C-alpha cells in the first residue's frame, strides 16, 4: 500500500519537480509523498507534511544523501526517497 498524500496549497504552481530535482538553495512547497504508508508516516512525523515549505540544503560528497530543511530541522534523505516526494514551487511576486 502506498500513501499518496496531496496538498492544494493556495498560490502554488505545479512544476512536476521532486525533492531530488530541487536545486540547492531553492525552496518549494511539499505536494505529495508517493511512498509506502509507513515511510510516508515517518517522514510526516519529521515535518514532511503536504503544504509545508521545504528547502534543499547541502549534500554528502557524491550527492547522496541530500539534506533538506523542513519545519526548523535538517533531514538527510537518500536520492531514491527524495525522488518520490513531489513539490511545487511558489510563483515569485
N, C-alpha and C. Protein backbone atom coordinates (compact mmCIF):
# COMPACT_ATOMS: atom_id res chain seq x y z
N UNK A 1 0.84 -1.17 0.00
CA UNK A 1 0.00 0.00 0.00
C UNK A 1 0.89 1.24 0.00
N UNK A 2 0.49 2.25 -0.76
CA UNK A 2 1.26 3.48 -0.82
C UNK A 2 0.41 4.63 -0.31
N UNK A 3 1.06 5.58 0.36
CA UNK A 3 0.39 6.79 0.81
C UNK A 3 0.59 7.83 -0.26
N UNK A 4 -0.50 8.34 -0.78
CA UNK A 4 -0.43 9.40 -1.78
C UNK A 4 -1.10 10.61 -1.16
N UNK A 5 -0.38 11.28 -0.29
CA UNK A 5 -0.90 12.41 0.45
C UNK A 5 -0.66 13.65 -0.37
N UNK A 6 -1.72 14.44 -0.64
CA UNK A 6 -1.61 15.57 -1.53
C UNK A 6 -2.12 16.84 -0.88
N UNK A 7 -1.55 17.97 -1.29
CA UNK A 7 -1.96 19.28 -0.80
C UNK A 7 -2.37 20.15 -1.96
N UNK A 8 -3.35 21.00 -1.74
CA UNK A 8 -3.73 22.01 -2.71
C UNK A 8 -3.39 23.36 -2.12
N UNK A 9 -2.11 23.62 -1.92
CA UNK A 9 -1.65 24.86 -1.31
C UNK A 9 -2.01 26.04 -2.19
N UNK A 10 -2.66 27.07 -1.62
CA UNK A 10 -3.03 28.23 -2.42
C UNK A 10 -1.78 28.96 -2.90
N UNK A 11 -1.81 29.41 -4.15
CA UNK A 11 -0.71 30.18 -4.69
C UNK A 11 0.45 29.34 -5.20
N UNK A 12 0.36 28.03 -5.05
CA UNK A 12 1.45 27.17 -5.52
C UNK A 12 1.20 26.80 -6.98
N UNK A 13 2.27 26.61 -7.70
CA UNK A 13 2.18 26.26 -9.11
C UNK A 13 2.83 24.90 -9.31
N UNK A 14 2.10 23.98 -9.93
CA UNK A 14 2.65 22.65 -10.17
C UNK A 14 3.81 22.75 -11.16
N UNK A 15 4.90 22.11 -10.84
CA UNK A 15 6.06 22.15 -11.73
C UNK A 15 6.54 20.76 -12.09
N UNK A 16 6.00 19.73 -11.46
CA UNK A 16 6.44 18.38 -11.74
C UNK A 16 7.79 18.04 -11.14
N UNK A 17 8.24 18.82 -10.16
CA UNK A 17 9.52 18.56 -9.51
C UNK A 17 9.39 17.56 -8.38
N UNK A 18 10.49 16.87 -8.13
CA UNK A 18 10.60 16.07 -6.92
C UNK A 18 11.68 16.71 -6.06
N UNK A 19 11.76 16.30 -4.81
CA UNK A 19 12.82 16.82 -3.95
C UNK A 19 14.20 16.51 -4.52
N UNK A 20 14.35 15.38 -5.16
CA UNK A 20 15.65 15.02 -5.73
C UNK A 20 16.07 16.00 -6.81
N UNK A 21 15.12 16.65 -7.46
CA UNK A 21 15.40 17.59 -8.55
C UNK A 21 15.47 19.04 -8.09
N UNK A 22 15.08 19.31 -6.85
CA UNK A 22 15.07 20.68 -6.35
C UNK A 22 16.50 21.19 -6.21
N UNK A 23 16.83 22.30 -6.90
CA UNK A 23 18.21 22.80 -6.85
C UNK A 23 18.61 23.29 -5.46
N UNK A 24 19.89 23.21 -5.18
CA UNK A 24 20.46 23.67 -3.92
C UNK A 24 20.04 25.12 -3.66
N UNK A 25 19.57 25.38 -2.44
CA UNK A 25 19.20 26.72 -2.03
C UNK A 25 17.79 27.13 -2.39
N UNK A 26 17.07 26.34 -3.17
CA UNK A 26 15.71 26.68 -3.56
C UNK A 26 14.72 26.13 -2.54
N UNK A 27 13.58 26.81 -2.45
CA UNK A 27 12.51 26.39 -1.56
C UNK A 27 11.29 26.04 -2.38
N UNK A 28 10.53 25.07 -1.91
CA UNK A 28 9.31 24.65 -2.58
C UNK A 28 8.29 24.25 -1.51
N UNK A 29 7.07 23.96 -1.96
CA UNK A 29 6.00 23.51 -1.08
C UNK A 29 5.78 22.03 -1.34
N UNK A 30 5.75 21.25 -0.27
CA UNK A 30 5.52 19.81 -0.42
C UNK A 30 4.12 19.59 -0.99
N UNK A 31 4.04 18.76 -2.02
CA UNK A 31 2.77 18.47 -2.66
C UNK A 31 2.24 17.10 -2.26
N UNK A 32 3.06 16.07 -2.48
CA UNK A 32 2.61 14.72 -2.10
C UNK A 32 3.79 13.79 -1.89
N UNK A 33 3.55 12.78 -1.10
CA UNK A 33 4.55 11.76 -0.82
C UNK A 33 4.07 10.47 -1.47
N UNK A 34 4.78 10.01 -2.46
CA UNK A 34 4.43 8.79 -3.18
C UNK A 34 5.30 7.66 -2.66
N UNK A 35 5.06 7.31 -1.40
CA UNK A 35 5.90 6.35 -0.67
C UNK A 35 5.02 5.34 0.05
N UNK A 36 5.61 4.21 0.44
CA UNK A 36 4.85 3.27 1.26
C UNK A 36 4.33 3.98 2.51
N UNK A 37 3.18 3.57 2.97
CA UNK A 37 2.50 4.25 4.08
C UNK A 37 3.37 4.43 5.32
N UNK A 38 4.12 3.40 5.71
CA UNK A 38 4.94 3.51 6.91
C UNK A 38 6.06 4.54 6.75
N UNK A 39 6.65 4.60 5.56
CA UNK A 39 7.72 5.57 5.30
C UNK A 39 7.13 6.98 5.26
N UNK A 40 6.00 7.14 4.56
CA UNK A 40 5.34 8.45 4.48
C UNK A 40 4.95 8.94 5.87
N UNK A 41 4.44 8.06 6.70
CA UNK A 41 4.03 8.44 8.06
C UNK A 41 5.24 8.93 8.86
N UNK A 42 6.36 8.23 8.76
CA UNK A 42 7.56 8.63 9.50
C UNK A 42 8.08 9.98 9.01
N UNK A 43 8.10 10.18 7.70
CA UNK A 43 8.55 11.47 7.17
C UNK A 43 7.62 12.61 7.60
N UNK A 44 6.34 12.33 7.65
CA UNK A 44 5.39 13.35 8.10
C UNK A 44 5.63 13.69 9.57
N UNK A 45 6.00 12.71 10.38
CA UNK A 45 6.35 12.96 11.77
C UNK A 45 7.57 13.88 11.88
N UNK A 46 8.45 13.82 10.87
CA UNK A 46 9.66 14.64 10.85
C UNK A 46 9.41 16.03 10.24
N UNK A 47 8.20 16.27 9.73
CA UNK A 47 7.86 17.58 9.20
C UNK A 47 7.56 17.62 7.72
N UNK A 48 7.71 16.51 7.01
CA UNK A 48 7.42 16.48 5.58
C UNK A 48 5.92 16.32 5.36
N UNK A 49 5.20 17.39 5.65
CA UNK A 49 3.74 17.39 5.57
C UNK A 49 3.32 18.19 4.34
N UNK A 50 2.45 17.65 3.49
CA UNK A 50 1.99 18.40 2.33
C UNK A 50 1.48 19.78 2.74
N UNK A 51 1.91 20.78 1.96
CA UNK A 51 1.56 22.16 2.24
C UNK A 51 2.64 22.92 2.98
N UNK A 52 3.61 22.21 3.56
CA UNK A 52 4.71 22.86 4.28
C UNK A 52 5.86 23.17 3.32
N UNK A 53 6.63 24.19 3.67
CA UNK A 53 7.79 24.58 2.87
C UNK A 53 8.97 23.65 3.17
N UNK A 54 9.76 23.40 2.13
CA UNK A 54 10.98 22.60 2.26
C UNK A 54 12.05 23.27 1.40
N UNK A 55 13.28 23.28 1.89
CA UNK A 55 14.39 23.88 1.15
C UNK A 55 15.50 22.85 0.96
N UNK A 56 16.10 22.89 -0.21
CA UNK A 56 17.22 22.00 -0.50
C UNK A 56 18.48 22.61 0.11
N UNK A 57 19.12 21.87 0.99
CA UNK A 57 20.35 22.33 1.64
C UNK A 57 21.53 21.64 0.96
N UNK A 58 22.48 21.21 1.73
CA UNK A 58 23.70 20.60 1.18
C UNK A 58 23.53 19.11 0.95
N UNK A 59 24.57 18.51 0.39
CA UNK A 59 24.54 17.06 0.16
C UNK A 59 25.89 16.48 0.56
N UNK A 60 25.90 15.19 0.74
CA UNK A 60 27.13 14.48 1.06
C UNK A 60 28.02 14.45 -0.19
N UNK A 61 29.30 14.20 -0.02
CA UNK A 61 30.16 14.05 -1.20
C UNK A 61 29.59 12.96 -2.10
N UNK A 62 29.51 13.23 -3.37
CA UNK A 62 28.91 12.28 -4.29
C UNK A 62 27.43 12.54 -4.50
N UNK A 63 26.83 13.42 -3.70
CA UNK A 63 25.45 13.83 -3.90
C UNK A 63 24.38 13.00 -3.20
N UNK A 64 24.75 11.98 -2.45
CA UNK A 64 23.73 11.16 -1.81
C UNK A 64 24.21 10.75 -0.42
N UNK A 65 23.50 11.01 0.64
CA UNK A 65 22.18 11.63 0.70
C UNK A 65 22.24 13.15 0.58
N UNK A 66 21.05 13.74 0.38
CA UNK A 66 20.90 15.19 0.36
C UNK A 66 20.21 15.62 1.63
N UNK A 67 20.49 16.85 2.05
CA UNK A 67 19.90 17.39 3.26
C UNK A 67 18.86 18.43 2.86
N UNK A 68 17.70 18.35 3.53
CA UNK A 68 16.60 19.29 3.29
C UNK A 68 16.21 19.94 4.60
N UNK A 69 15.87 21.21 4.54
CA UNK A 69 15.39 21.93 5.71
C UNK A 69 13.86 21.95 5.66
N UNK A 70 13.28 21.45 6.74
CA UNK A 70 11.82 21.43 6.84
C UNK A 70 11.43 21.58 8.30
N UNK A 71 10.47 22.44 8.55
CA UNK A 71 9.92 22.62 9.89
C UNK A 71 11.01 22.89 10.94
N UNK A 72 12.03 23.68 10.56
CA UNK A 72 13.08 24.06 11.50
C UNK A 72 14.16 23.01 11.73
N UNK A 73 14.13 21.93 10.99
CA UNK A 73 15.12 20.87 11.15
C UNK A 73 15.80 20.58 9.81
N UNK A 74 16.96 19.97 9.89
CA UNK A 74 17.64 19.48 8.69
C UNK A 74 17.56 17.96 8.68
N UNK A 75 17.04 17.42 7.59
CA UNK A 75 16.82 15.99 7.48
C UNK A 75 17.54 15.49 6.21
N UNK A 76 18.32 14.43 6.35
CA UNK A 76 19.00 13.82 5.20
C UNK A 76 18.13 12.71 4.63
N UNK A 77 17.96 12.74 3.31
CA UNK A 77 17.19 11.71 2.61
C UNK A 77 18.02 11.14 1.48
N UNK A 78 17.88 9.86 1.26
CA UNK A 78 18.52 9.24 0.11
C UNK A 78 17.81 9.72 -1.15
N UNK A 79 18.55 9.75 -2.23
CA UNK A 79 18.01 10.23 -3.51
C UNK A 79 16.77 9.42 -3.92
N UNK A 80 16.77 8.12 -3.69
CA UNK A 80 15.63 7.28 -4.09
C UNK A 80 14.36 7.65 -3.32
N UNK A 81 14.51 8.10 -2.08
CA UNK A 81 13.35 8.56 -1.30
C UNK A 81 12.93 9.95 -1.77
N UNK A 82 13.89 10.85 -1.92
CA UNK A 82 13.60 12.23 -2.34
C UNK A 82 12.93 12.26 -3.72
N UNK A 83 13.23 11.28 -4.56
CA UNK A 83 12.65 11.23 -5.91
C UNK A 83 11.17 10.87 -5.89
N UNK A 84 10.65 10.45 -4.75
CA UNK A 84 9.23 10.07 -4.65
C UNK A 84 8.43 11.06 -3.82
N UNK A 85 9.07 12.21 -3.52
CA UNK A 85 8.38 13.28 -2.80
C UNK A 85 8.23 14.44 -3.78
N UNK A 86 7.00 14.76 -4.10
CA UNK A 86 6.70 15.76 -5.12
C UNK A 86 6.49 17.13 -4.48
N UNK A 87 6.99 18.17 -5.16
CA UNK A 87 6.91 19.53 -4.64
C UNK A 87 6.39 20.47 -5.72
N UNK A 88 5.97 21.65 -5.26
CA UNK A 88 5.55 22.75 -6.15
C UNK A 88 6.39 23.96 -5.79
N UNK A 89 6.73 24.75 -6.77
CA UNK A 89 7.42 26.00 -6.48
C UNK A 89 6.38 27.10 -6.40
N UNK A 90 6.66 28.08 -5.57
CA UNK A 90 5.76 29.22 -5.43
C UNK A 90 6.09 30.24 -6.50
N UNK A 91 5.08 30.88 -7.05
CA UNK A 91 5.36 31.92 -8.02
C UNK A 91 6.04 33.11 -7.36
N UNK A 92 6.98 33.71 -8.04
CA UNK A 92 7.67 34.88 -7.50
C UNK A 92 6.83 36.12 -7.75
N UNK A 93 6.76 37.04 -6.75
CA UNK A 93 5.96 38.26 -6.93
C UNK A 93 6.56 39.18 -7.95
